[in-house]
C-alpha atoms as a PDB file:
ATOM      1  CA  MET A   1     130.240  70.950 105.752  1.00  0.00           C
ATOM      2  CA  ILE A   2     133.224  73.286 105.674  1.00  0.00           C
ATOM      3  CA  TRP A   3     132.970  76.672 107.410  1.00  0.00           C
ATOM      4  CA  THR A   4     135.533  79.403 106.794  1.00  0.00           C
ATOM      5  CA  SER A   5     135.833  82.152 109.422  1.00  0.00           C
ATOM      6  CA  PRO A   6     136.567  85.797 108.546  1.00  0.00           C
ATOM      7  CA  THR A   7     140.123  85.228 109.769  1.00  0.00           C
ATOM      8  CA  GLY A   8     140.582  82.454 107.193  1.00  0.00           C
ATOM      9  CA  LYS A   9     140.500  79.438 109.524  1.00  0.00           C
ATOM     10  CA  THR A  10     138.402  76.518 108.255  1.00  0.00           C
ATOM     11  CA  TYR A  11     136.242  74.187 110.326  1.00  0.00           C
ATOM     12  CA  LYS A  12     134.765  70.858 109.199  1.00  0.00           C
ATOM     13  CA  THR A  13     131.490  69.607 110.634  1.00  0.00           C
ATOM     14  CA  ARG A  14     128.567  67.366 109.746  1.00  0.00           C
ATOM     15  CA  PRO A  15     125.098  68.892 109.389  1.00  0.00           C
ATOM     16  CA  CYS A  16     122.610  67.846 112.074  1.00  0.00           C
ATOM     17  CA  SER A  17     120.043  67.047 109.415  1.00  0.00           C
ATOM     18  CA  ARG A  18     122.100  63.976 108.513  1.00  0.00           C
ATOM     19  CA  ILE A  19     120.727  62.254 111.635  1.00  0.00           C
ATOM     20  CA  PHE A  20     117.117  62.647 110.479  1.00  0.00           C
ATOM     21  CA  PHE A  21     117.671  62.545 106.684  1.00  0.00           C
ATOM     22  CA  PRO A  22     120.728  60.373 105.966  1.00  0.00           C
ATOM     23  CA  ASN A  23     120.179  60.376 102.170  1.00  0.00           C
ATOM     24  CA  TRP A  24     119.555  64.087 101.850  1.00  0.00           C
ATOM     25  CA  ASP A  25     122.021  65.845  99.569  1.00  0.00           C
ATOM     26  CA  THR A  26     123.144  69.106 101.201  1.00  0.00           C
ATOM     27  CA  THR A  27     125.484  70.365  98.490  1.00  0.00           C
ATOM     28  CA  THR A  28     124.977  73.932  97.338  1.00  0.00           C
ATOM     29  CA  ALA A  29     125.872  75.906  94.253  1.00  0.00           C
ATOM     30  CA  ALA A  30     128.953  78.091  94.031  1.00  0.00           C
ATOM     31  CA  LEU A  31     128.740  81.565  95.529  1.00  0.00           C
ATOM     32  CA  PRO A  32     128.098  84.494  93.177  1.00  0.00           C
ATOM     33  CA  PRO A  33     131.029  86.803  92.414  1.00  0.00           C
ATOM     34  CA  PRO A  34     131.548  89.764  94.777  1.00  0.00           C
ATOM     35  CA  PRO A  35     129.957  93.087  93.811  1.00  0.00           C
ATOM     36  CA  PRO A  36     132.080  95.592  91.884  1.00  0.00           C
ATOM     37  CA  SER A  37     134.321  97.927  93.850  1.00  0.00           C
ATOM     38  CA  ALA A  38     133.071 101.262  95.237  1.00  0.00           C
ATOM     39  CA  GLU A  39     135.124 103.144  92.653  1.00  0.00           C
ATOM     40  CA  SER A  40     133.086 101.591  89.864  1.00  0.00           C
ATOM     41  CA  VAL A  41     131.051 104.100  87.883  1.00  0.00           C
ATOM     42  CA  ALA A  42     128.030 101.777  87.883  1.00  0.00           C
ATOM     43  CA  THR A  43     127.706 101.821  91.676  1.00  0.00           C
ATOM     44  CA  LYS A  44     128.184 105.574  92.185  1.00  0.00           C
ATOM     45  CA  GLY A  45     124.427 106.137  91.787  1.00  0.00           C
ATOM     46  CA  LEU A  46     123.652 103.680  94.597  1.00  0.00           C
ATOM     47  CA  MET A  47     125.366 105.650  97.356  1.00  0.00           C
ATOM     48  CA  MET A  48     123.419 106.731 100.436  1.00  0.00           C
ATOM     49  CA  PRO A  49     122.380 110.385 100.597  1.00  0.00           C
ATOM     50  CA  ARG A  50     124.300 112.641 102.960  1.00  0.00           C
ATOM     51  CA  ARG A  51     122.692 114.433 105.893  1.00  0.00           C
ATOM     52  CA  ARG A  52     121.854 118.096 105.483  1.00  0.00           C
ATOM     53  CA  ARG A  53     121.738 118.684 109.251  1.00  0.00           C
ATOM     54  CA  THR A  54     123.386 116.962 112.177  1.00  0.00           C
ATOM     55  CA  ARG A  55     121.365 114.464 114.203  1.00  0.00           C
ATOM     56  CA  ALA A  56     121.170 116.935 117.088  1.00  0.00           C
ATOM     57  CA  ALA A  57     119.856 119.702 114.822  1.00  0.00           C
ATOM     58  CA  ASP A  58     117.372 117.284 113.251  1.00  0.00           C
ATOM     59  CA  ARG A  59     116.118 116.216 116.701  1.00  0.00           C
ATOM     60  CA  THR A  60     115.784 119.850 117.800  1.00  0.00           C
ATOM     61  CA  ARG A  61     113.781 120.635 114.637  1.00  0.00           C
ATOM     62  CA  ARG A  62     111.409 117.694 115.280  1.00  0.00           C
ATOM     63  CA  ILE A  63     110.862 118.789 118.888  1.00  0.00           C
ATOM     64  CA  LEU A  64     110.111 122.371 117.821  1.00  0.00           C
ATOM     65  CA  ASP A  65     107.687 121.146 115.134  1.00  0.00           C
ATOM     66  CA  GLU A  66     105.858 118.980 117.677  1.00  0.00           C
ATOM     67  CA  ARG A  67     105.647 121.858 120.146  1.00  0.00           C
ATOM     68  CA  ALA A  68     104.214 124.087 117.417  1.00  0.00           C
ATOM     69  CA  LEU A  69     101.482 121.491 116.801  1.00  0.00           C
ATOM     70  CA  ASN A  70     100.686 121.388 120.522  1.00  0.00           C
ATOM     71  CA  ASP A  71     100.534 125.188 120.982  1.00  0.00           C
ATOM     72  CA  ALA A  72      96.873 125.380 119.908  1.00  0.00           C
ATOM     73  CA  SER A  73      95.713 122.793 122.438  1.00  0.00           C
ATOM     74  CA  VAL A  74      97.818 124.365 125.197  1.00  0.00           C
ATOM     75  CA  ALA A  75      96.340 127.817 124.479  1.00  0.00           C
ATOM     76  CA  GLU A  76      92.804 126.342 124.579  1.00  0.00           C
ATOM     77  CA  ARG A  77      93.517 124.577 127.869  1.00  0.00           C
ATOM     78  CA  ASN A  78      94.969 127.716 129.496  1.00  0.00           C
ATOM     79  CA  LYS A  79      91.984 129.997 128.734  1.00  0.00           C
ATOM     80  CA  PRO A  80      90.347 131.596 131.788  1.00  0.00           C
ATOM     81  CA  PRO A  81      86.976 130.164 132.879  1.00  0.00           C
ATOM     82  CA  PRO A  82      83.895 131.632 131.096  1.00  0.00           C
ATOM     83  CA  PHE A  83      82.233 133.023 134.303  1.00  0.00           C
END
């Protein structure tokens, strides 16, 4: 087995399965071609959407929405006793 690191250095090793399955063929097919470049017109539709608000503003909005949901139960809990 030949491993190639991201830096381009290659390493040769034997698969461990060879000990248990000496006649097993471990060859694989060729790798598929790399995807087209980002400038390609075909991939422009696959881009991630951009944020409309910052993460901090989004977190603040979620907290305020949750507090608004809890306001009814807090108001009920803080009512004076009926006597």
